Amino acid sequence: MKRHSVSKATIIKWHKREDVEDRSHRAHTLHTTLSAAQELIVVETAPPAGVASG
């Protein structure tokens, strides 16, 4: 454990998994609620779906 800089908790967590694929670190649910005005701003300023910015 020490030589790989991995905690015991991480080893236990990975040992319980069925695969070794990397997983997202993003939350599965969003705990933020936007007001109608905030949502309108986001929708109006967001680029069209499928269009990459850059």
PDB file of N, CA and C in Angstrom:
ATOM      1  N   MET A   1       0.831  -1.189   0.000  1.00  0.00           N
ATOM      2  CA  MET A   1       0.000   0.000   0.000  1.00  0.00           C
ATOM      3  C   MET A   1       0.874   1.251   0.000  1.00  0.00           C
ATOM      4  N   LYS A   2       1.837   1.296   0.895  1.00  0.00           N
ATOM      5  CA  LYS A   2       2.667   2.482   1.044  1.00  0.00           C
ATOM      6  C   LYS A   2       3.482   2.756  -0.227  1.00  0.00           C
ATOM      7  N   ARG A   3       3.992   1.725  -0.837  1.00  0.00           N
ATOM      8  CA  ARG A   3       4.845   1.927  -2.014  1.00  0.00           C
ATOM      9  C   ARG A   3       4.050   2.397  -3.225  1.00  0.00           C
ATOM     10  N   HIS A   4       2.737   2.193  -3.225  1.00  0.00           N
ATOM     11  CA  HIS A   4       1.909   2.621  -4.348  1.00  0.00           C
ATOM     12  C   HIS A   4       1.127   3.892  -4.025  1.00  0.00           C
ATOM     13  N   SER A   5       1.317   4.450  -2.845  1.00  0.00           N
ATOM     14  CA  SER A   5       0.623   5.667  -2.412  1.00  0.00           C
ATOM     15  C   SER A   5      -0.888   5.529  -2.500  1.00  0.00           C
ATOM     16  N   VAL A   6      -1.398   4.387  -2.086  1.00  0.00           N
ATOM     17  CA  VAL A   6      -2.833   4.120  -2.109  1.00  0.00           C
ATOM     18  C   VAL A   6      -3.267   3.778  -0.688  1.00  0.00           C
ATOM     19  N   SER A   7      -4.378   4.388  -0.261  1.00  0.00           N
ATOM     20  CA  SER A   7      -4.848   4.131   1.095  1.00  0.00           C
ATOM     21  C   SER A   7      -5.507   2.752   1.184  1.00  0.00           C
ATOM     22  N   LYS A   8      -5.602   2.263   2.390  1.00  0.00           N
ATOM     23  CA  LYS A   8      -6.259   0.977   2.626  1.00  0.00           C
ATOM     24  C   LYS A   8      -7.731   1.050   2.218  1.00  0.00           C
ATOM     25  N   ALA A   9      -8.367   2.201   2.455  1.00  0.00           N
ATOM     26  CA  ALA A   9      -9.769   2.377   2.079  1.00  0.00           C
ATOM     27  C   ALA A   9      -9.961   2.250   0.571  1.00  0.00           C
ATOM     28  N   THR A  10      -9.010   2.780  -0.199  1.00  0.00           N
ATOM     29  CA  THR A  10      -9.094   2.685  -1.663  1.00  0.00           C
ATOM     30  C   THR A  10      -8.956   1.237  -2.109  1.00  0.00           C
ATOM     31  N   ILE A  11      -8.052   0.506  -1.505  1.00  0.00           N
ATOM     32  CA  ILE A  11      -7.868  -0.903  -1.853  1.00  0.00           C
ATOM     33  C   ILE A  11      -9.138  -1.689  -1.553  1.00  0.00           C
ATOM     34  N   ILE A  12      -9.745  -1.433  -0.407  1.00  0.00           N
ATOM     35  CA  ILE A  12     -10.986  -2.129  -0.037  1.00  0.00           C
ATOM     36  C   ILE A  12     -12.092  -1.786  -1.025  1.00  0.00           C
ATOM     37  N   LYS A  13     -12.197  -0.505  -1.397  1.00  0.00           N
ATOM     38  CA  LYS A  13     -13.227  -0.070  -2.339  1.00  0.00           C
ATOM     39  C   LYS A  13     -13.039  -0.752  -3.696  1.00  0.00           C
ATOM     40  N   TRP A  14     -11.819  -0.797  -4.202  1.00  0.00           N
ATOM     41  CA  TRP A  14     -11.552  -1.419  -5.498  1.00  0.00           C
ATOM     42  C   TRP A  14     -11.727  -2.927  -5.441  1.00  0.00           C
ATOM     43  N   HIS A  15     -11.446  -3.515  -4.305  1.00  0.00           N
ATOM     44  CA  HIS A  15     -11.581  -4.967  -4.168  1.00  0.00           C
ATOM     45  C   HIS A  15     -13.048  -5.395  -4.313  1.00  0.00           C
ATOM     46  N   LYS A  16     -13.976  -4.516  -3.918  1.00  0.00           N
ATOM     47  CA  LYS A  16     -15.409  -4.828  -3.998  1.00  0.00           C
ATOM     48  C   LYS A  16     -15.970  -4.653  -5.405  1.00  0.00           C
ATOM     49  N   ARG A  17     -15.216  -4.001  -6.307  1.00  0.00           N
ATOM     50  CA  ARG A  17     -15.704  -3.733  -7.655  1.00  0.00           C
ATOM     51  C   ARG A  17     -15.601  -4.961  -8.540  1.00  0.00           C
ATOM     52  N   GLU A  18     -16.464  -4.993  -9.562  1.00  0.00           N
ATOM     53  CA  GLU A  18     -16.465  -6.104 -10.502  1.00  0.00           C
ATOM     54  C   GLU A  18     -15.574  -5.849 -11.705  1.00  0.00           C
ATOM     55  N   ASP A  19     -15.164  -4.590 -11.924  1.00  0.00           N
ATOM     56  CA  ASP A  19     -14.299  -4.265 -13.053  1.00  0.00           C
ATOM     57  C   ASP A  19     -13.193  -3.327 -12.577  1.00  0.00           C
ATOM     58  N   VAL A  20     -12.284  -3.009 -13.469  1.00  0.00           N
ATOM     59  CA  VAL A  20     -11.178  -2.119 -13.107  1.00  0.00           C
ATOM     60  C   VAL A  20     -11.168  -0.864 -13.983  1.00  0.00           C
ATOM     61  N   GLU A  21     -12.287  -0.591 -14.645  1.00  0.00           N
ATOM     62  CA  GLU A  21     -12.386   0.580 -15.504  1.00  0.00           C
ATOM     63  C   GLU A  21     -12.477   1.853 -14.665  1.00  0.00           C
ATOM     64  N   ASP A  22     -11.895   2.933 -15.183  1.00  0.00           N
ATOM     65  CA  ASP A  22     -12.021   4.219 -14.520  1.00  0.00           C
ATOM     66  C   ASP A  22     -13.473   4.662 -14.542  1.00  0.00           C
ATOM     67  N   ARG A  23     -13.887   5.324 -13.498  1.00  0.00           N
ATOM     68  CA  ARG A  23     -15.253   5.821 -13.410  1.00  0.00           C
ATOM     69  C   ARG A  23     -15.237   7.327 -13.240  1.00  0.00           C
ATOM     70  N   SER A  24     -16.342   7.947 -13.589  1.00  0.00           N
ATOM     71  CA  SER A  24     -16.471   9.389 -13.480  1.00  0.00           C
ATOM     72  C   SER A  24     -16.413   9.816 -12.017  1.00  0.00           C
ATOM     73  N   HIS A  25     -15.860  10.994 -11.791  1.00  0.00           N
ATOM     74  CA  HIS A  25     -15.832  11.569 -10.448  1.00  0.00           C
ATOM     75  C   HIS A  25     -16.971  12.558 -10.260  1.00  0.00           C
ATOM     76  N   ARG A  26     -17.773  12.744 -11.307  1.00  0.00           N
ATOM     77  CA  ARG A  26     -18.890  13.671 -11.241  1.00  0.00           C
ATOM     78  C   ARG A  26     -20.036  13.082 -10.428  1.00  0.00           C
ATOM     79  N   ALA A  27     -20.800  13.951  -9.830  1.00  0.00           N
ATOM     80  CA  ALA A  27     -21.955  13.520  -9.048  1.00  0.00           C
ATOM     81  C   ALA A  27     -22.994  12.873  -9.958  1.00  0.00           C
ATOM     82  N   HIS A  28     -23.684  11.882  -9.452  1.00  0.00           N
ATOM     83  CA  HIS A  28     -24.735  11.215 -10.216  1.00  0.00           C
ATOM     84  C   HIS A  28     -26.000  12.054 -10.256  1.00  0.00           C
ATOM     85  N   THR A  29     -26.170  12.889  -9.255  1.00  0.00           N
ATOM     86  CA  THR A  29     -27.330  13.773  -9.205  1.00  0.00           C
ATOM     87  C   THR A  29     -26.858  15.195  -8.961  1.00  0.00           C
ATOM     88  N   LEU A  30     -27.602  16.152  -9.464  1.00  0.00           N
ATOM     89  CA  LEU A  30     -27.283  17.552  -9.293  1.00  0.00           C
ATOM     90  C   LEU A  30     -28.109  18.098  -8.130  1.00  0.00           C
ATOM     91  N   HIS A  31     -27.442  18.654  -7.138  1.00  0.00           N
ATOM     92  CA  HIS A  31     -28.129  19.139  -5.947  1.00  0.00           C
ATOM     93  C   HIS A  31     -28.297  20.655  -5.964  1.00  0.00           C
ATOM     94  N   THR A  32     -28.295  21.231  -7.154  1.00  0.00           N
ATOM     95  CA  THR A  32     -28.459  22.663  -7.307  1.00  0.00           C
ATOM     96  C   THR A  32     -29.730  22.930  -8.105  1.00  0.00           C
ATOM     97  N   THR A  33     -30.506  23.866  -7.663  1.00  0.00           N
ATOM     98  CA  THR A  33     -31.729  24.231  -8.371  1.00  0.00           C
ATOM     99  C   THR A  33     -31.585  25.660  -8.869  1.00  0.00           C
ATOM    100  N   LEU A  34     -31.865  25.866 -10.143  1.00  0.00           N
ATOM    101  CA  LEU A  34     -31.799  27.200 -10.715  1.00  0.00           C
ATOM    102  C   LEU A  34     -33.178  27.840 -10.703  1.00  0.00           C
ATOM    103  N   SER A  35     -33.178  29.139 -10.523  1.00  0.00           N
ATOM    104  CA  SER A  35     -34.444  29.867 -10.654  1.00  0.00           C
ATOM    105  C   SER A  35     -34.787  29.927 -12.139  1.00  0.00           C
ATOM    106  N   ALA A  36     -35.998  30.322 -12.460  1.00  0.00           N
ATOM    107  CA  ALA A  36     -36.412  30.413 -13.858  1.00  0.00           C
ATOM    108  C   ALA A  36     -35.533  31.416 -14.607  1.00  0.00           C
ATOM    109  N   ALA A  37     -35.181  32.528 -13.958  1.00  0.00           N
ATOM    110  CA  ALA A  37     -34.336  33.545 -14.588  1.00  0.00           C
ATOM    111  C   ALA A  37     -32.930  33.009 -14.854  1.00  0.00           C
ATOM    112  N   GLN A  38     -32.364  32.276 -13.877  1.00  0.00           N
ATOM    113  CA  GLN A  38     -31.041  31.696 -14.046  1.00  0.00           C
ATOM    114  C   GLN A  38     -31.044  30.667 -15.173  1.00  0.00           C
ATOM    115  N   GLU A  39     -32.067  29.838 -15.215  1.00  0.00           N
ATOM    116  CA  GLU A  39     -32.165  28.822 -16.263  1.00  0.00           C
ATOM    117  C   GLU A  39     -32.247  29.477 -17.638  1.00  0.00           C
ATOM    118  N   LEU A  40     -32.988  30.548 -17.758  1.00  0.00           N
ATOM    119  CA  LEU A  40     -33.113  31.264 -19.020  1.00  0.00           C
ATOM    120  C   LEU A  40     -31.754  31.794 -19.477  1.00  0.00           C
ATOM    121  N   ILE A  41     -30.978  32.334 -18.557  1.00  0.00           N
ATOM    122  CA  ILE A  41     -29.637  32.847 -18.879  1.00  0.00           C
ATOM    123  C   ILE A  41     -28.758  31.708 -19.389  1.00  0.00           C
ATOM    124  N   VAL A  42     -28.781  30.582 -18.717  1.00  0.00           N
ATOM    125  CA  VAL A  42     -27.963  29.433 -19.121  1.00  0.00           C
ATOM    126  C   VAL A  42     -28.364  28.958 -20.511  1.00  0.00           C
ATOM    127  N   VAL A  43     -29.658  28.823 -20.741  1.00  0.00           N
ATOM    128  CA  VAL A  43     -30.150  28.329 -22.025  1.00  0.00           C
ATOM    129  C   VAL A  43     -29.788  29.300 -23.153  1.00  0.00           C
ATOM    130  N   GLU A  44     -29.919  30.600 -22.905  1.00  0.00           N
ATOM    131  CA  GLU A  44     -29.630  31.596 -23.937  1.00  0.00           C
ATOM    132  C   GLU A  44     -28.157  31.748 -24.245  1.00  0.00           C
ATOM    133  N   THR A  45     -27.294  31.487 -23.266  1.00  0.00           N
ATOM    134  CA  THR A  45     -25.849  31.687 -23.474  1.00  0.00           C
ATOM    135  C   THR A  45     -25.119  30.400 -23.840  1.00  0.00           C
ATOM    136  N   ALA A  46     -25.767  29.269 -23.722  1.00  0.00           N
ATOM    137  CA  ALA A  46     -25.122  27.990 -24.049  1.00  0.00           C
ATOM    138  C   ALA A  46     -25.027  27.827 -25.560  1.00  0.00           C
ATOM    139  N   PRO A  47     -23.917  27.241 -26.037  1.00  0.00           N
ATOM    140  CA  PRO A  47     -23.811  26.997 -27.480  1.00  0.00           C
ATOM    141  C   PRO A  47     -24.816  25.925 -27.901  1.00  0.00           C
ATOM    142  N   PRO A  48     -25.201  25.913 -29.159  1.00  0.00           N
ATOM    143  CA  PRO A  48     -26.134  24.888 -29.637  1.00  0.00           C
ATOM    144  C   PRO A  48     -25.566  23.486 -29.392  1.00  0.00           C
ATOM    145  N   ALA A  49     -26.429  22.544 -29.123  1.00  0.00           N
ATOM    146  CA  ALA A  49     -25.999  21.166 -28.867  1.00  0.00           C
ATOM    147  C   ALA A  49     -25.223  20.636 -30.071  1.00  0.00           C
ATOM    148  N   GLY A  50     -24.121  19.960 -29.785  1.00  0.00           N
ATOM    149  CA  GLY A  50     -23.321  19.358 -30.845  1.00  0.00           C
ATOM    150  C   GLY A  50     -22.278  20.292 -31.442  1.00  0.00           C
ATOM    151  N   VAL A  51     -22.232  21.530 -30.969  1.00  0.00           N
ATOM    152  CA  VAL A  51     -21.269  22.496 -31.485  1.00  0.00           C
ATOM    153  C   VAL A  51     -20.154  22.643 -30.458  1.00  0.00           C
ATOM    154  N   ALA A  52     -18.937  22.336 -30.868  1.00  0.00           N
ATOM    155  CA  ALA A  52     -17.793  22.446 -29.965  1.00  0.00           C
ATOM    156  C   ALA A  52     -17.305  23.891 -29.924  1.00  0.00           C
ATOM    157  N   SER A  53     -16.947  24.347 -28.737  1.00  0.00           N
ATOM    158  CA  SER A  53     -16.391  25.696 -28.633  1.00  0.00           C
ATOM    159  C   SER A  53     -14.891  25.618 -28.796  1.00  0.00           C
ATOM    160  N   GLY A  54     -14.301  26.667 -29.247  1.00  0.00           N
ATOM    161  CA  GLY A  54     -12.858  26.636 -29.371  1.00  0.00           C
ATOM    162  C   GLY A  54     -12.398  27.576 -30.334  1.00  0.00           C
TER     163      GLY A  54
END
